[in-house]
Amino acid sequence: MHCPNPLPSPYNNMFTIHGLWPQDANDDEIDPYSSNPNCAGGVIPTPPQDLPTYLESTPIYPLLDVQWPDLNNPNNNASNYIFWEDEWSKHGQCSDYPANPYNYFDSAVRLRHTLTPDFGFKSGQRWKLDQIISKISDQIKYMPEIACNKNPKTGNLQLWEIRLCFKRPKDMQNCPNPTGKPGTLCYNKYQSPIFVL
């Protein structure tokens, strides 16, 4: 992802939603409907191109632009729709709401409302991974999963995503892999310095 640097306000002071991703009991992503039509339980999902019909006149529509933007071009509504359509195709059509995009997107927005915008992290700070996990778990009372990426200029590890796990959209639970799966950049790097963008 090539986000503008610095991100425009308000995106530079908050964590935004990347997605709401159905996973199985082994913490593996569910394949998208296009390759696994059985994931929708016999329901024919709403096509991605129909999202405007389901979202534009709803109370969550203005919230999506702020809380679930395409960070490559966050102030561009057309770009946001492309991002939402992609998330819907990959994840929403195999969620609990394959025929109801509003409920899928509303679930993510409602979950986001229960969390502080920045989790207490500020841009430019350096934290150890175990400190990041502890700070978040103290707030939400459950173990998150942290995802890292590398700064292309410095090679430093960066806090990329804070992932939260749910049994269903309302029941938070501990994530099984707080530092990610083997082979991911954060995996078992508890004492490594992680930079917050």
N, C-alpha and C. Protein backbone atom coordinates (compact mmCIF):
# COMPACT_ATOMS: atom_id res chain seq x y z
N MET A 1 0.85 -1.16 0.00
CA MET A 1 0.00 0.00 0.00
C MET A 1 0.90 1.23 0.00
N HIS A 2 0.57 2.22 -0.79
CA HIS A 2 1.33 3.46 -0.86
C HIS A 2 0.45 4.61 -0.39
N CYS A 3 0.42 4.78 0.93
CA CYS A 3 -0.41 5.82 1.52
C CYS A 3 0.29 7.16 1.40
N PRO A 4 -0.50 8.26 1.31
CA PRO A 4 0.12 9.57 1.32
C PRO A 4 0.87 9.77 2.64
N ASN A 5 1.99 10.42 2.60
CA ASN A 5 2.77 10.64 3.81
C ASN A 5 3.07 12.13 3.92
N PRO A 6 2.55 12.84 4.93
CA PRO A 6 1.69 12.31 5.99
C PRO A 6 0.25 12.16 5.51
N LEU A 7 -0.48 11.30 6.22
CA LEU A 7 -1.90 11.15 5.92
C LEU A 7 -2.63 12.43 6.30
N PRO A 8 -3.65 12.81 5.55
CA PRO A 8 -4.42 14.00 5.94
C PRO A 8 -5.24 13.74 7.20
N SER A 9 -5.61 14.80 7.88
CA SER A 9 -6.47 14.71 9.06
C SER A 9 -7.86 14.27 8.60
N PRO A 10 -8.58 13.46 9.33
CA PRO A 10 -8.33 12.94 10.66
C PRO A 10 -7.59 11.61 10.68
N TYR A 11 -7.23 11.10 9.49
CA TYR A 11 -6.67 9.75 9.40
C TYR A 11 -5.28 9.64 10.04
N ASN A 12 -4.61 10.77 10.23
CA ASN A 12 -3.28 10.74 10.81
C ASN A 12 -3.29 10.61 12.33
N ASN A 13 -4.46 10.62 12.95
CA ASN A 13 -4.56 10.54 14.41
C ASN A 13 -5.43 9.38 14.88
N MET A 14 -5.66 8.41 14.03
CA MET A 14 -6.56 7.32 14.42
C MET A 14 -6.25 6.05 13.64
N PHE A 15 -6.66 4.94 14.20
CA PHE A 15 -6.62 3.69 13.47
C PHE A 15 -7.94 3.55 12.74
N THR A 16 -7.87 3.19 11.47
CA THR A 16 -9.07 3.01 10.67
C THR A 16 -9.35 1.51 10.50
N ILE A 17 -10.50 1.19 9.99
CA ILE A 17 -10.88 -0.20 9.74
C ILE A 17 -10.24 -0.65 8.43
N HIS A 18 -9.63 -1.81 8.46
CA HIS A 18 -9.16 -2.41 7.21
C HIS A 18 -10.20 -3.41 6.71
N GLY A 19 -10.79 -4.17 7.61
CA GLY A 19 -11.79 -5.12 7.17
C GLY A 19 -12.38 -5.89 8.33
N LEU A 20 -13.40 -6.64 8.01
CA LEU A 20 -14.04 -7.58 8.93
C LEU A 20 -13.96 -8.92 8.21
N TRP A 21 -13.05 -9.79 8.69
CA TRP A 21 -12.68 -10.98 7.94
C TRP A 21 -13.12 -12.25 8.63
N PRO A 22 -14.03 -13.01 8.05
CA PRO A 22 -14.39 -14.31 8.61
C PRO A 22 -13.20 -15.26 8.56
N GLN A 23 -12.99 -15.98 9.65
CA GLN A 23 -11.91 -16.96 9.74
C GLN A 23 -12.48 -18.25 10.32
N ASP A 24 -11.77 -19.36 10.10
CA ASP A 24 -12.24 -20.62 10.67
C ASP A 24 -11.63 -20.83 12.05
N ALA A 25 -11.91 -21.96 12.66
CA ALA A 25 -11.45 -22.26 14.02
C ALA A 25 -9.93 -22.35 14.11
N ASN A 26 -9.25 -22.55 12.97
CA ASN A 26 -7.78 -22.62 12.96
C ASN A 26 -7.15 -21.26 12.68
N ASP A 27 -7.95 -20.19 12.69
CA ASP A 27 -7.47 -18.84 12.43
C ASP A 27 -7.03 -18.65 10.97
N ASP A 28 -7.60 -19.43 10.06
CA ASP A 28 -7.33 -19.28 8.63
C ASP A 28 -8.50 -18.54 7.99
N GLU A 29 -8.18 -17.66 7.05
CA GLU A 29 -9.23 -16.91 6.36
C GLU A 29 -10.12 -17.85 5.56
N ILE A 30 -11.40 -17.50 5.51
CA ILE A 30 -12.35 -18.22 4.67
C ILE A 30 -12.11 -17.76 3.23
N ASP A 31 -12.05 -18.71 2.31
CA ASP A 31 -11.87 -18.35 0.90
C ASP A 31 -13.04 -17.50 0.43
N PRO A 32 -12.81 -16.58 -0.50
CA PRO A 32 -13.90 -15.73 -0.99
C PRO A 32 -14.96 -16.55 -1.73
N TYR A 33 -16.14 -15.96 -1.82
CA TYR A 33 -17.27 -16.59 -2.47
C TYR A 33 -16.93 -17.01 -3.89
N SER A 34 -16.12 -16.21 -4.59
CA SER A 34 -15.78 -16.52 -5.99
C SER A 34 -15.08 -17.86 -6.13
N SER A 35 -14.37 -18.30 -5.09
CA SER A 35 -13.70 -19.60 -5.16
C SER A 35 -14.33 -20.64 -4.23
N ASN A 36 -15.27 -20.22 -3.38
CA ASN A 36 -15.92 -21.13 -2.45
C ASN A 36 -17.38 -20.71 -2.24
N PRO A 37 -18.26 -20.96 -3.22
CA PRO A 37 -19.66 -20.54 -3.10
C PRO A 37 -20.39 -21.15 -1.90
N ASN A 38 -19.87 -22.25 -1.37
CA ASN A 38 -20.52 -22.88 -0.20
C ASN A 38 -20.40 -22.03 1.06
N CYS A 39 -19.48 -21.05 1.07
CA CYS A 39 -19.26 -20.24 2.27
C CYS A 39 -20.49 -19.42 2.64
N ALA A 40 -21.37 -19.16 1.69
CA ALA A 40 -22.55 -18.33 1.95
C ALA A 40 -23.75 -19.17 2.39
N GLY A 41 -23.56 -20.45 2.59
CA GLY A 41 -24.63 -21.30 3.09
C GLY A 41 -25.85 -21.36 2.20
N GLY A 42 -25.65 -21.33 0.90
CA GLY A 42 -26.76 -21.42 -0.03
C GLY A 42 -27.40 -20.09 -0.39
N VAL A 43 -26.99 -19.02 0.27
CA VAL A 43 -27.51 -17.68 -0.04
C VAL A 43 -26.71 -17.11 -1.21
N ILE A 44 -27.39 -16.45 -2.12
CA ILE A 44 -26.70 -15.76 -3.21
C ILE A 44 -26.33 -14.37 -2.71
N PRO A 45 -25.03 -14.09 -2.56
CA PRO A 45 -24.61 -12.80 -2.00
C PRO A 45 -24.92 -11.61 -2.90
N THR A 46 -25.03 -10.47 -2.28
CA THR A 46 -25.20 -9.22 -3.00
C THR A 46 -23.95 -8.95 -3.82
N PRO A 47 -24.10 -8.62 -5.10
CA PRO A 47 -22.92 -8.31 -5.93
C PRO A 47 -22.24 -7.02 -5.44
N PRO A 48 -20.91 -6.95 -5.54
CA PRO A 48 -20.18 -5.76 -5.07
C PRO A 48 -20.65 -4.46 -5.70
N GLN A 49 -21.02 -4.50 -6.98
CA GLN A 49 -21.43 -3.27 -7.66
C GLN A 49 -22.74 -2.71 -7.11
N ASP A 50 -23.47 -3.50 -6.30
CA ASP A 50 -24.73 -3.03 -5.70
C ASP A 50 -24.53 -2.34 -4.35
N LEU A 51 -23.28 -2.24 -3.87
CA LEU A 51 -23.05 -1.62 -2.57
C LEU A 51 -23.63 -0.22 -2.43
N PRO A 52 -23.51 0.66 -3.44
CA PRO A 52 -24.10 2.00 -3.25
C PRO A 52 -25.58 1.95 -2.90
N THR A 53 -26.32 1.03 -3.49
CA THR A 53 -27.75 0.91 -3.20
C THR A 53 -27.99 0.59 -1.73
N TYR A 54 -27.10 -0.22 -1.14
CA TYR A 54 -27.27 -0.66 0.24
C TYR A 54 -26.67 0.28 1.26
N LEU A 55 -25.77 1.18 0.84
CA LEU A 55 -25.04 1.99 1.81
C LEU A 55 -25.32 3.48 1.75
N GLU A 56 -25.56 4.05 0.58
CA GLU A 56 -25.56 5.51 0.44
C GLU A 56 -26.61 6.24 1.25
N SER A 57 -27.76 5.68 1.45
CA SER A 57 -28.81 6.40 2.19
C SER A 57 -28.92 5.93 3.64
N THR A 58 -27.85 5.33 4.15
CA THR A 58 -27.89 4.80 5.52
C THR A 58 -27.14 5.70 6.49
N PRO A 59 -27.39 5.54 7.80
CA PRO A 59 -26.69 6.35 8.79
C PRO A 59 -25.20 6.05 8.88
N ILE A 60 -24.76 4.88 8.40
CA ILE A 60 -23.33 4.57 8.51
C ILE A 60 -22.51 5.11 7.34
N TYR A 61 -23.18 5.53 6.29
CA TYR A 61 -22.45 5.97 5.09
C TYR A 61 -21.41 7.05 5.40
N PRO A 62 -21.77 8.14 6.13
CA PRO A 62 -20.74 9.15 6.42
C PRO A 62 -19.63 8.61 7.33
N LEU A 63 -19.95 7.65 8.17
CA LEU A 63 -18.95 7.06 9.07
C LEU A 63 -17.95 6.21 8.30
N LEU A 64 -18.41 5.55 7.25
CA LEU A 64 -17.52 4.70 6.46
C LEU A 64 -16.39 5.52 5.84
N ASP A 65 -16.71 6.71 5.34
CA ASP A 65 -15.68 7.55 4.73
C ASP A 65 -14.57 7.90 5.72
N VAL A 66 -14.92 8.05 6.99
CA VAL A 66 -13.92 8.41 8.00
C VAL A 66 -13.28 7.18 8.63
N GLN A 67 -14.09 6.18 8.94
CA GLN A 67 -13.58 5.05 9.70
C GLN A 67 -13.08 3.88 8.85
N TRP A 68 -13.49 3.82 7.59
CA TRP A 68 -13.10 2.70 6.74
C TRP A 68 -12.68 3.23 5.36
N PRO A 69 -11.73 4.18 5.30
CA PRO A 69 -11.35 4.76 4.02
C PRO A 69 -10.29 3.92 3.31
N ASP A 70 -10.14 4.17 2.03
CA ASP A 70 -9.00 3.66 1.29
C ASP A 70 -7.84 4.60 1.59
N LEU A 71 -6.88 4.17 2.38
CA LEU A 71 -5.80 5.06 2.82
C LEU A 71 -4.87 5.47 1.68
N ASN A 72 -4.97 4.85 0.51
CA ASN A 72 -4.21 5.32 -0.64
C ASN A 72 -4.74 6.67 -1.13
N ASN A 73 -6.04 6.89 -0.93
CA ASN A 73 -6.69 8.11 -1.40
C ASN A 73 -7.92 8.36 -0.53
N PRO A 74 -7.71 8.66 0.78
CA PRO A 74 -8.81 8.63 1.74
C PRO A 74 -9.90 9.65 1.53
N ASN A 75 -9.64 10.74 0.85
CA ASN A 75 -10.68 11.76 0.66
C ASN A 75 -11.43 11.60 -0.66
N ASN A 76 -11.24 10.47 -1.33
CA ASN A 76 -11.88 10.23 -2.62
C ASN A 76 -12.95 9.16 -2.45
N ASN A 77 -14.21 9.55 -2.56
CA ASN A 77 -15.30 8.62 -2.33
C ASN A 77 -15.29 7.47 -3.32
N ALA A 78 -14.95 7.74 -4.58
CA ALA A 78 -14.90 6.67 -5.59
C ALA A 78 -13.84 5.64 -5.22
N SER A 79 -12.71 6.10 -4.74
CA SER A 79 -11.64 5.21 -4.30
C SER A 79 -12.09 4.38 -3.09
N ASN A 80 -12.82 5.02 -2.18
CA ASN A 80 -13.34 4.29 -1.02
C ASN A 80 -14.29 3.18 -1.46
N TYR A 81 -15.16 3.47 -2.43
CA TYR A 81 -16.09 2.43 -2.90
C TYR A 81 -15.36 1.26 -3.52
N ILE A 82 -14.30 1.53 -4.25
CA ILE A 82 -13.52 0.44 -4.83
C ILE A 82 -12.96 -0.44 -3.72
N PHE A 83 -12.45 0.20 -2.66
CA PHE A 83 -11.91 -0.53 -1.51
C PHE A 83 -13.02 -1.34 -0.83
N TRP A 84 -14.18 -0.74 -0.59
CA TRP A 84 -15.27 -1.46 0.07
C TRP A 84 -15.76 -2.62 -0.79
N GLU A 85 -15.83 -2.42 -2.10
CA GLU A 85 -16.24 -3.51 -2.99
C GLU A 85 -15.25 -4.66 -2.92
N ASP A 86 -13.97 -4.34 -2.84
CA ASP A 86 -12.94 -5.37 -2.73
C ASP A 86 -13.07 -6.13 -1.41
N GLU A 87 -13.28 -5.42 -0.32
CA GLU A 87 -13.46 -6.07 0.99
C GLU A 87 -14.73 -6.92 1.00
N TRP A 88 -15.78 -6.42 0.37
CA TRP A 88 -17.03 -7.18 0.30
C TRP A 88 -16.83 -8.47 -0.51
N SER A 89 -16.15 -8.37 -1.65
CA SER A 89 -15.90 -9.55 -2.49
C SER A 89 -15.04 -10.58 -1.77
N LYS A 90 -14.01 -10.12 -1.07
CA LYS A 90 -13.09 -11.05 -0.41
C LYS A 90 -13.66 -11.62 0.88
N HIS A 91 -14.42 -10.81 1.62
CA HIS A 91 -14.80 -11.21 2.97
C HIS A 91 -16.30 -11.11 3.27
N GLY A 92 -16.94 -10.04 2.83
CA GLY A 92 -18.33 -9.82 3.20
C GLY A 92 -19.30 -10.84 2.65
N GLN A 93 -19.05 -11.31 1.43
CA GLN A 93 -19.97 -12.27 0.82
C GLN A 93 -19.95 -13.62 1.54
N CYS A 94 -18.90 -13.89 2.33
CA CYS A 94 -18.83 -15.12 3.10
C CYS A 94 -18.96 -14.85 4.60
N SER A 95 -19.49 -13.69 4.94
CA SER A 95 -19.71 -13.35 6.35
C SER A 95 -21.07 -13.87 6.79
N ASP A 96 -21.50 -13.47 7.97
CA ASP A 96 -22.84 -13.82 8.45
C ASP A 96 -23.93 -13.11 7.66
N TYR A 97 -23.55 -12.14 6.84
CA TYR A 97 -24.52 -11.29 6.14
C TYR A 97 -24.29 -11.27 4.63
N PRO A 98 -24.24 -12.39 3.94
CA PRO A 98 -23.90 -12.37 2.51
C PRO A 98 -24.88 -11.59 1.64
N ALA A 99 -26.13 -11.48 2.06
CA ALA A 99 -27.12 -10.76 1.26
C ALA A 99 -27.43 -9.38 1.84
N ASN A 100 -26.73 -8.99 2.89
CA ASN A 100 -27.04 -7.71 3.53
C ASN A 100 -25.76 -6.92 3.82
N PRO A 101 -25.23 -6.22 2.83
CA PRO A 101 -24.00 -5.45 3.04
C PRO A 101 -24.10 -4.44 4.18
N TYR A 102 -25.29 -3.84 4.36
CA TYR A 102 -25.42 -2.87 5.44
C TYR A 102 -25.03 -3.49 6.78
N ASN A 103 -25.55 -4.68 7.09
CA ASN A 103 -25.24 -5.31 8.37
C ASN A 103 -23.76 -5.64 8.51
N TYR A 104 -23.14 -6.05 7.42
CA TYR A 104 -21.70 -6.36 7.45
C TYR A 104 -20.90 -5.11 7.79
N PHE A 105 -21.11 -4.03 7.05
CA PHE A 105 -20.35 -2.80 7.28
C PHE A 105 -20.73 -2.16 8.62
N ASP A 106 -22.00 -2.23 8.97
CA ASP A 106 -22.45 -1.66 10.25
C ASP A 106 -21.80 -2.40 11.43
N SER A 107 -21.63 -3.71 11.31
CA SER A 107 -20.98 -4.47 12.38
C SER A 107 -19.58 -3.96 12.65
N ALA A 108 -18.83 -3.72 11.58
CA ALA A 108 -17.46 -3.23 11.75
C ALA A 108 -17.44 -1.83 12.35
N VAL A 109 -18.33 -0.96 11.88
CA VAL A 109 -18.39 0.41 12.40
C VAL A 109 -18.78 0.40 13.87
N ARG A 110 -19.74 -0.43 14.24
CA ARG A 110 -20.16 -0.51 15.65
C ARG A 110 -19.02 -1.01 16.53
N LEU A 111 -18.28 -1.99 16.06
CA LEU A 111 -17.14 -2.49 16.82
C LEU A 111 -16.10 -1.39 16.99
N ARG A 112 -15.87 -0.65 15.94
CA ARG A 112 -14.86 0.42 16.00
C ARG A 112 -15.25 1.49 17.01
N HIS A 113 -16.55 1.76 17.12
CA HIS A 113 -17.05 2.77 18.06
C HIS A 113 -16.74 2.41 19.51
N THR A 114 -16.55 1.15 19.79
CA THR A 114 -16.29 0.74 21.17
C THR A 114 -14.83 0.93 21.56
N LEU A 115 -13.97 1.34 20.63
CA LEU A 115 -12.53 1.43 20.88
C LEU A 115 -12.06 2.88 20.81
N THR A 116 -10.98 3.18 21.54
CA THR A 116 -10.42 4.52 21.45
C THR A 116 -9.77 4.70 20.08
N PRO A 117 -9.83 5.91 19.52
CA PRO A 117 -9.34 6.10 18.15
C PRO A 117 -7.87 5.75 17.94
N ASP A 118 -7.01 6.01 18.93
CA ASP A 118 -5.58 5.79 18.69
C ASP A 118 -4.96 4.77 19.65
N PHE A 119 -5.75 4.16 20.51
CA PHE A 119 -5.27 3.18 21.50
C PHE A 119 -4.16 3.75 22.39
N GLY A 120 -3.96 5.07 22.36
CA GLY A 120 -2.90 5.66 23.16
C GLY A 120 -1.55 5.69 22.48
N PHE A 121 -1.49 5.34 21.20
CA PHE A 121 -0.23 5.39 20.44
C PHE A 121 -0.16 6.69 19.65
N LYS A 122 1.01 7.27 19.57
CA LYS A 122 1.21 8.50 18.82
C LYS A 122 2.27 8.26 17.74
N SER A 123 2.09 8.91 16.63
CA SER A 123 3.03 8.79 15.52
C SER A 123 4.46 9.13 15.95
N GLY A 124 5.39 8.32 15.50
CA GLY A 124 6.80 8.54 15.81
C GLY A 124 7.29 7.81 17.04
N GLN A 125 6.37 7.26 17.84
CA GLN A 125 6.77 6.53 19.04
C GLN A 125 7.39 5.19 18.68
N ARG A 126 8.21 4.68 19.60
CA ARG A 126 8.82 3.37 19.46
C ARG A 126 8.38 2.52 20.65
N TRP A 127 7.89 1.34 20.37
CA TRP A 127 7.41 0.43 21.40
C TRP A 127 7.99 -0.95 21.13
N LYS A 128 8.11 -1.75 22.19
CA LYS A 128 8.41 -3.17 22.01
C LYS A 128 7.07 -3.86 21.78
N LEU A 129 7.12 -4.95 21.03
CA LEU A 129 5.90 -5.65 20.66
C LEU A 129 5.12 -6.10 21.88
N ASP A 130 5.80 -6.61 22.91
CA ASP A 130 5.08 -7.05 24.10
C ASP A 130 4.39 -5.87 24.79
N GLN A 131 4.97 -4.65 24.69
CA GLN A 131 4.33 -3.47 25.26
C GLN A 131 3.07 -3.09 24.49
N ILE A 132 3.14 -3.21 23.17
CA ILE A 132 1.98 -2.91 22.33
C ILE A 132 0.83 -3.86 22.67
N ILE A 133 1.15 -5.14 22.72
CA ILE A 133 0.13 -6.15 23.02
C ILE A 133 -0.47 -5.90 24.41
N SER A 134 0.38 -5.62 25.38
CA SER A 134 -0.08 -5.38 26.75
C SER A 134 -0.97 -4.14 26.83
N LYS A 135 -0.56 -3.07 26.16
CA LYS A 135 -1.33 -1.81 26.19
C LYS A 135 -2.73 -2.02 25.61
N ILE A 136 -2.80 -2.73 24.51
CA ILE A 136 -4.11 -2.97 23.89
C ILE A 136 -4.94 -3.93 24.72
N SER A 137 -4.34 -5.02 25.19
CA SER A 137 -5.11 -6.00 25.96
C SER A 137 -5.59 -5.40 27.29
N ASP A 138 -4.85 -4.46 27.86
CA ASP A 138 -5.33 -3.78 29.06
C ASP A 138 -6.61 -2.99 28.78
N GLN A 139 -6.70 -2.43 27.57
CA GLN A 139 -7.88 -1.62 27.22
C GLN A 139 -9.08 -2.48 26.83
N ILE A 140 -8.84 -3.50 26.03
CA ILE A 140 -9.98 -4.27 25.50
C ILE A 140 -10.27 -5.54 26.29
N LYS A 141 -9.34 -5.91 27.19
CA LYS A 141 -9.48 -7.10 28.06
C LYS A 141 -9.33 -8.42 27.31
N TYR A 142 -8.85 -8.36 26.09
CA TYR A 142 -8.58 -9.55 25.29
C TYR A 142 -7.26 -9.38 24.57
N MET A 143 -6.67 -10.49 24.15
CA MET A 143 -5.38 -10.48 23.46
C MET A 143 -5.58 -10.15 21.98
N PRO A 144 -4.95 -9.08 21.47
CA PRO A 144 -5.05 -8.75 20.05
C PRO A 144 -4.03 -9.56 19.25
N GLU A 145 -4.07 -9.41 17.95
CA GLU A 145 -2.99 -9.88 17.08
C GLU A 145 -2.39 -8.64 16.43
N ILE A 146 -1.08 -8.55 16.46
CA ILE A 146 -0.38 -7.40 15.90
C ILE A 146 0.27 -7.80 14.58
N ALA A 147 0.10 -6.97 13.57
CA ALA A 147 0.74 -7.19 12.28
C ALA A 147 1.71 -6.05 12.03
N CYS A 148 2.87 -6.39 11.50
CA CYS A 148 3.91 -5.41 11.21
C CYS A 148 4.19 -5.37 9.71
N ASN A 149 4.77 -4.27 9.29
CA ASN A 149 5.38 -4.19 7.97
C ASN A 149 6.71 -3.48 8.14
N LYS A 150 7.44 -3.29 7.07
CA LYS A 150 8.75 -2.63 7.15
C LYS A 150 8.70 -1.29 6.43
N ASN A 151 9.34 -0.31 7.06
CA ASN A 151 9.49 0.98 6.42
C ASN A 151 10.44 0.80 5.24
N PRO A 152 10.00 1.12 4.02
CA PRO A 152 10.86 0.88 2.85
C PRO A 152 12.14 1.72 2.85
N LYS A 153 12.14 2.85 3.55
CA LYS A 153 13.33 3.71 3.58
C LYS A 153 14.32 3.27 4.65
N THR A 154 13.81 2.90 5.85
CA THR A 154 14.72 2.60 6.97
C THR A 154 14.85 1.11 7.25
N GLY A 155 13.89 0.30 6.80
CA GLY A 155 13.89 -1.12 7.11
C GLY A 155 13.37 -1.42 8.51
N ASN A 156 12.95 -0.38 9.25
CA ASN A 156 12.43 -0.59 10.61
C ASN A 156 11.06 -1.26 10.58
N LEU A 157 10.80 -2.10 11.59
CA LEU A 157 9.47 -2.68 11.75
C LEU A 157 8.50 -1.58 12.16
N GLN A 158 7.30 -1.62 11.57
CA GLN A 158 6.26 -0.64 11.88
C GLN A 158 4.99 -1.36 12.31
N LEU A 159 4.24 -0.72 13.18
CA LEU A 159 2.92 -1.22 13.55
C LEU A 159 2.00 -0.98 12.35
N TRP A 160 1.54 -2.06 11.75
CA TRP A 160 0.73 -1.96 10.54
C TRP A 160 -0.75 -2.12 10.87
N GLU A 161 -1.08 -3.17 11.63
CA GLU A 161 -2.48 -3.43 11.97
C GLU A 161 -2.59 -3.95 13.39
N ILE A 162 -3.69 -3.57 14.02
CA ILE A 162 -4.12 -4.15 15.29
C ILE A 162 -5.35 -4.98 14.94
N ARG A 163 -5.24 -6.29 15.08
CA ARG A 163 -6.35 -7.17 14.72
C ARG A 163 -7.03 -7.67 15.99
N LEU A 164 -8.36 -7.63 15.98
CA LEU A 164 -9.15 -8.09 17.10
C LEU A 164 -9.98 -9.28 16.65
N CYS A 165 -10.18 -10.23 17.54
CA CYS A 165 -10.85 -11.47 17.17
C CYS A 165 -12.20 -11.57 17.88
N PHE A 166 -13.17 -12.13 17.16
CA PHE A 166 -14.53 -12.25 17.65
C PHE A 166 -15.07 -13.63 17.33
N LYS A 167 -15.88 -14.18 18.26
CA LYS A 167 -16.58 -15.44 17.97
C LYS A 167 -17.66 -15.18 16.94
N ARG A 168 -18.33 -14.11 17.10
CA ARG A 168 -19.30 -13.58 16.17
C ARG A 168 -19.14 -12.07 16.29
N PRO A 169 -19.77 -11.28 15.46
CA PRO A 169 -19.48 -9.86 15.47
C PRO A 169 -19.59 -9.15 16.82
N LYS A 170 -20.22 -9.75 17.82
CA LYS A 170 -20.36 -9.04 19.09
C LYS A 170 -19.52 -9.62 20.21
N ASP A 171 -19.01 -10.83 20.08
CA ASP A 171 -18.35 -11.52 21.18
C ASP A 171 -16.84 -11.55 20.98
N MET A 172 -16.15 -10.58 21.59
CA MET A 172 -14.70 -10.52 21.46
C MET A 172 -14.07 -11.70 22.20
N GLN A 173 -12.93 -12.14 21.69
CA GLN A 173 -12.18 -13.23 22.31
C GLN A 173 -10.69 -12.99 22.10
N ASN A 174 -9.85 -13.75 22.80
CA ASN A 174 -8.41 -13.67 22.61
C ASN A 174 -8.06 -14.14 21.20
N CYS A 175 -7.16 -13.42 20.55
CA CYS A 175 -6.65 -13.88 19.26
C CYS A 175 -5.63 -14.99 19.52
N PRO A 176 -5.65 -16.05 18.74
CA PRO A 176 -4.76 -17.19 19.00
C PRO A 176 -3.29 -16.92 18.69
N ASN A 177 -3.00 -15.91 17.87
CA ASN A 177 -1.61 -15.64 17.46
C ASN A 177 -1.29 -14.16 17.68
N PRO A 178 -0.97 -13.75 18.93
CA PRO A 178 -0.75 -12.32 19.19
C PRO A 178 0.33 -11.67 18.34
N THR A 179 1.36 -12.42 17.96
CA THR A 179 2.41 -11.83 17.12
C THR A 179 2.31 -12.31 15.68
N GLY A 180 1.18 -12.85 15.31
CA GLY A 180 0.98 -13.33 13.95
C GLY A 180 1.44 -14.77 13.79
N LYS A 181 1.20 -15.29 12.62
CA LYS A 181 1.58 -16.67 12.30
C LYS A 181 3.07 -16.74 11.94
N PRO A 182 3.68 -17.95 12.04
CA PRO A 182 5.08 -18.09 11.63
C PRO A 182 5.28 -17.57 10.21
N GLY A 183 6.37 -16.84 10.02
CA GLY A 183 6.68 -16.27 8.72
C GLY A 183 6.24 -14.83 8.56
N THR A 184 5.37 -14.34 9.46
CA THR A 184 4.97 -12.93 9.39
C THR A 184 6.01 -12.08 10.11
N LEU A 185 6.03 -10.79 9.81
CA LEU A 185 7.11 -9.92 10.28
C LEU A 185 7.15 -9.73 11.80
N CYS A 186 6.02 -9.78 12.47
CA CYS A 186 6.02 -9.60 13.93
C CYS A 186 6.29 -10.90 14.69
N TYR A 187 6.20 -12.02 14.02
CA TYR A 187 6.21 -13.32 14.68
C TYR A 187 7.39 -13.45 15.66
N ASN A 188 7.06 -13.65 16.94
CA ASN A 188 8.03 -13.88 18.02
C ASN A 188 9.09 -12.79 18.15
N LYS A 189 8.71 -11.55 17.88
CA LYS A 189 9.65 -10.44 18.01
C LYS A 189 9.26 -9.56 19.21
N TYR A 190 8.99 -10.20 20.34
CA TYR A 190 8.49 -9.47 21.51
C TYR A 190 9.40 -8.33 21.94
N GLN A 191 10.69 -8.47 21.82
CA GLN A 191 11.61 -7.43 22.30
C GLN A 191 12.09 -6.49 21.19
N SER A 192 11.61 -6.68 19.99
CA SER A 192 12.04 -5.83 18.87
C SER A 192 11.36 -4.46 18.95
N PRO A 193 12.08 -3.39 18.60
CA PRO A 193 11.41 -2.08 18.57
C PRO A 193 10.47 -1.99 17.37
N ILE A 194 9.27 -1.51 17.62
CA ILE A 194 8.25 -1.33 16.59
C ILE A 194 7.92 0.15 16.55
N PHE A 195 7.93 0.73 15.37
CA PHE A 195 7.63 2.15 15.24
C PHE A 195 6.16 2.35 14.91
N VAL A 196 5.57 3.38 15.49
CA VAL A 196 4.20 3.76 15.18
C VAL A 196 4.27 4.87 14.15
N LEU A 197 3.56 4.68 13.03
CA LEU A 197 3.59 5.71 11.96
C LEU A 197 2.88 6.97 12.39
